[in-house]
């Protein structure tokens, strides 16, 4: 697992330098839409039924206000719409930020 070595907020994007030398970028809106929180993605019960996660997938104008490391495995972002519950594991964050912009 590669870890972020530097995270910067540049314009409307999060820029991340990784421990293997790679750099990835993601717009604030796309990062917010990809939040791994139960509020955004929903969560499955013991029978496999999905609950929640049916809200908006578009967050125009959302800003990243701050971020913090959680242990040695994740980043939590604070968004201007009040969302702050998604923990982006390093592997998930790398996947989301490496994906081409839509």
Protein backbone atom coordinates (compact mmCIF):
# COMPACT_ATOMS: atom_id res chain seq x y z
CA UNK A 1 0.00 0.00 0.00
CA UNK A 2 1.34 3.41 -0.98
CA UNK A 3 0.74 6.33 1.35
CA UNK A 4 0.27 10.00 0.53
CA UNK A 5 3.41 12.00 1.25
CA UNK A 6 1.95 15.40 0.40
CA UNK A 7 -1.63 16.63 -0.07
CA UNK A 8 -2.34 20.08 -1.47
CA UNK A 9 -5.55 21.93 -2.32
CA UNK A 10 -4.92 23.63 -5.68
CA UNK A 11 -7.75 25.60 -7.24
CA UNK A 12 -10.73 23.22 -7.31
CA UNK A 13 -8.62 20.05 -7.00
CA UNK A 14 -6.88 17.91 -4.44
CA UNK A 15 -3.34 17.07 -5.56
CA UNK A 16 -1.64 14.08 -3.92
CA UNK A 17 2.00 12.98 -4.08
CA UNK A 18 2.42 9.31 -3.19
CA UNK A 19 5.24 7.36 -1.55
CA UNK A 20 6.04 5.64 -4.87
CA UNK A 21 6.56 9.00 -6.62
CA UNK A 22 3.20 9.05 -8.42
CA UNK A 23 1.00 12.15 -8.41
CA UNK A 24 -2.79 12.10 -8.68
CA UNK A 25 -5.46 14.80 -8.89
CA UNK A 26 -9.19 14.95 -8.27
CA UNK A 27 -11.79 17.71 -8.39
CA UNK A 28 -13.52 18.51 -5.13
CA UNK A 29 -16.89 17.61 -6.65
CA UNK A 30 -15.73 14.17 -7.82
CA UNK A 31 -14.02 13.48 -4.50
CA UNK A 32 -17.23 14.37 -2.62
CA UNK A 33 -19.35 12.16 -4.91
CA UNK A 34 -16.97 9.25 -4.26
CA UNK A 35 -17.18 9.53 -0.48
CA UNK A 36 -17.11 6.00 0.97
CA UNK A 37 -19.49 7.01 3.78
CA UNK A 38 -22.71 5.10 4.42
CA UNK A 39 -24.56 8.39 3.86
CA UNK A 40 -23.26 8.59 0.28
CA UNK A 41 -22.75 4.94 -0.71
CA UNK A 42 -25.33 3.27 1.50
CA UNK A 43 -24.61 0.20 3.58
CA UNK A 44 -25.68 -3.42 3.41
CA UNK A 45 -27.46 -5.28 6.19
CA UNK A 46 -26.73 -8.91 7.14
CA UNK A 47 -29.03 -10.07 4.31
CA UNK A 48 -27.15 -8.02 1.74
CA UNK A 49 -29.87 -5.41 1.21
CA UNK A 50 -28.60 -1.89 0.54
CA UNK A 51 -29.94 0.88 2.79
CA UNK A 52 -29.39 4.59 2.19
CA UNK A 53 -27.02 6.12 -0.29
CA UNK A 54 -29.78 7.22 -2.65
CA UNK A 55 -29.06 10.94 -2.40
CA UNK A 56 -27.44 13.33 -4.83
CA UNK A 57 -24.33 12.27 -6.69
CA UNK A 58 -23.64 15.81 -7.92
CA UNK A 59 -22.10 18.42 -5.68
CA UNK A 60 -21.48 21.52 -7.79
CA UNK A 61 -19.50 24.22 -6.03
CA UNK A 62 -18.51 22.03 -3.08
CA UNK A 63 -15.13 22.88 -1.58
CA UNK A 64 -12.64 20.88 0.46
CA UNK A 65 -12.10 22.97 3.58
CA UNK A 66 -9.61 20.71 5.35
CA UNK A 67 -8.34 17.16 5.59
CA UNK A 68 -6.71 14.99 8.21
CA UNK A 69 -4.96 11.64 8.42
CA UNK A 70 -6.76 8.85 10.25
CA UNK A 71 -4.23 6.42 11.66
CA UNK A 72 -1.85 5.12 9.01
CA UNK A 73 -4.51 4.04 6.55
CA UNK A 74 -6.97 6.81 5.59
CA UNK A 75 -7.73 10.48 4.96
CA UNK A 76 -10.90 12.26 6.09
CA UNK A 77 -11.93 15.37 4.15
CA UNK A 78 -14.11 18.22 5.46
CA UNK A 79 -16.40 19.51 2.70
CA UNK A 80 -18.19 22.87 2.54
CA UNK A 81 -21.60 21.13 2.51
CA UNK A 82 -20.91 19.83 6.03
CA UNK A 83 -19.98 16.29 4.98
CA UNK A 84 -17.04 14.83 6.88
CA UNK A 85 -17.82 11.20 7.66
CA UNK A 86 -16.16 9.36 4.75
CA UNK A 87 -12.82 7.72 5.49
CA UNK A 88 -10.87 7.36 2.25
CA UNK A 89 -8.45 4.46 2.72
CA UNK A 90 -5.16 5.08 0.95
CA UNK A 91 -5.94 2.39 -1.65
CA UNK A 92 -9.43 3.80 -2.30
CA UNK A 93 -8.12 7.38 -2.45
CA UNK A 94 -5.46 6.35 -4.94
CA UNK A 95 -8.11 4.65 -7.10
CA UNK A 96 -10.51 7.63 -6.98
CA UNK A 97 -7.86 10.26 -7.69
CA UNK A 98 -6.17 8.26 -10.46
CA UNK A 99 -9.42 7.76 -12.39
CA UNK A 100 -9.85 10.04 -15.40
CA UNK A 101 -12.14 13.02 -14.89
CA UNK A 102 -15.61 12.67 -16.34
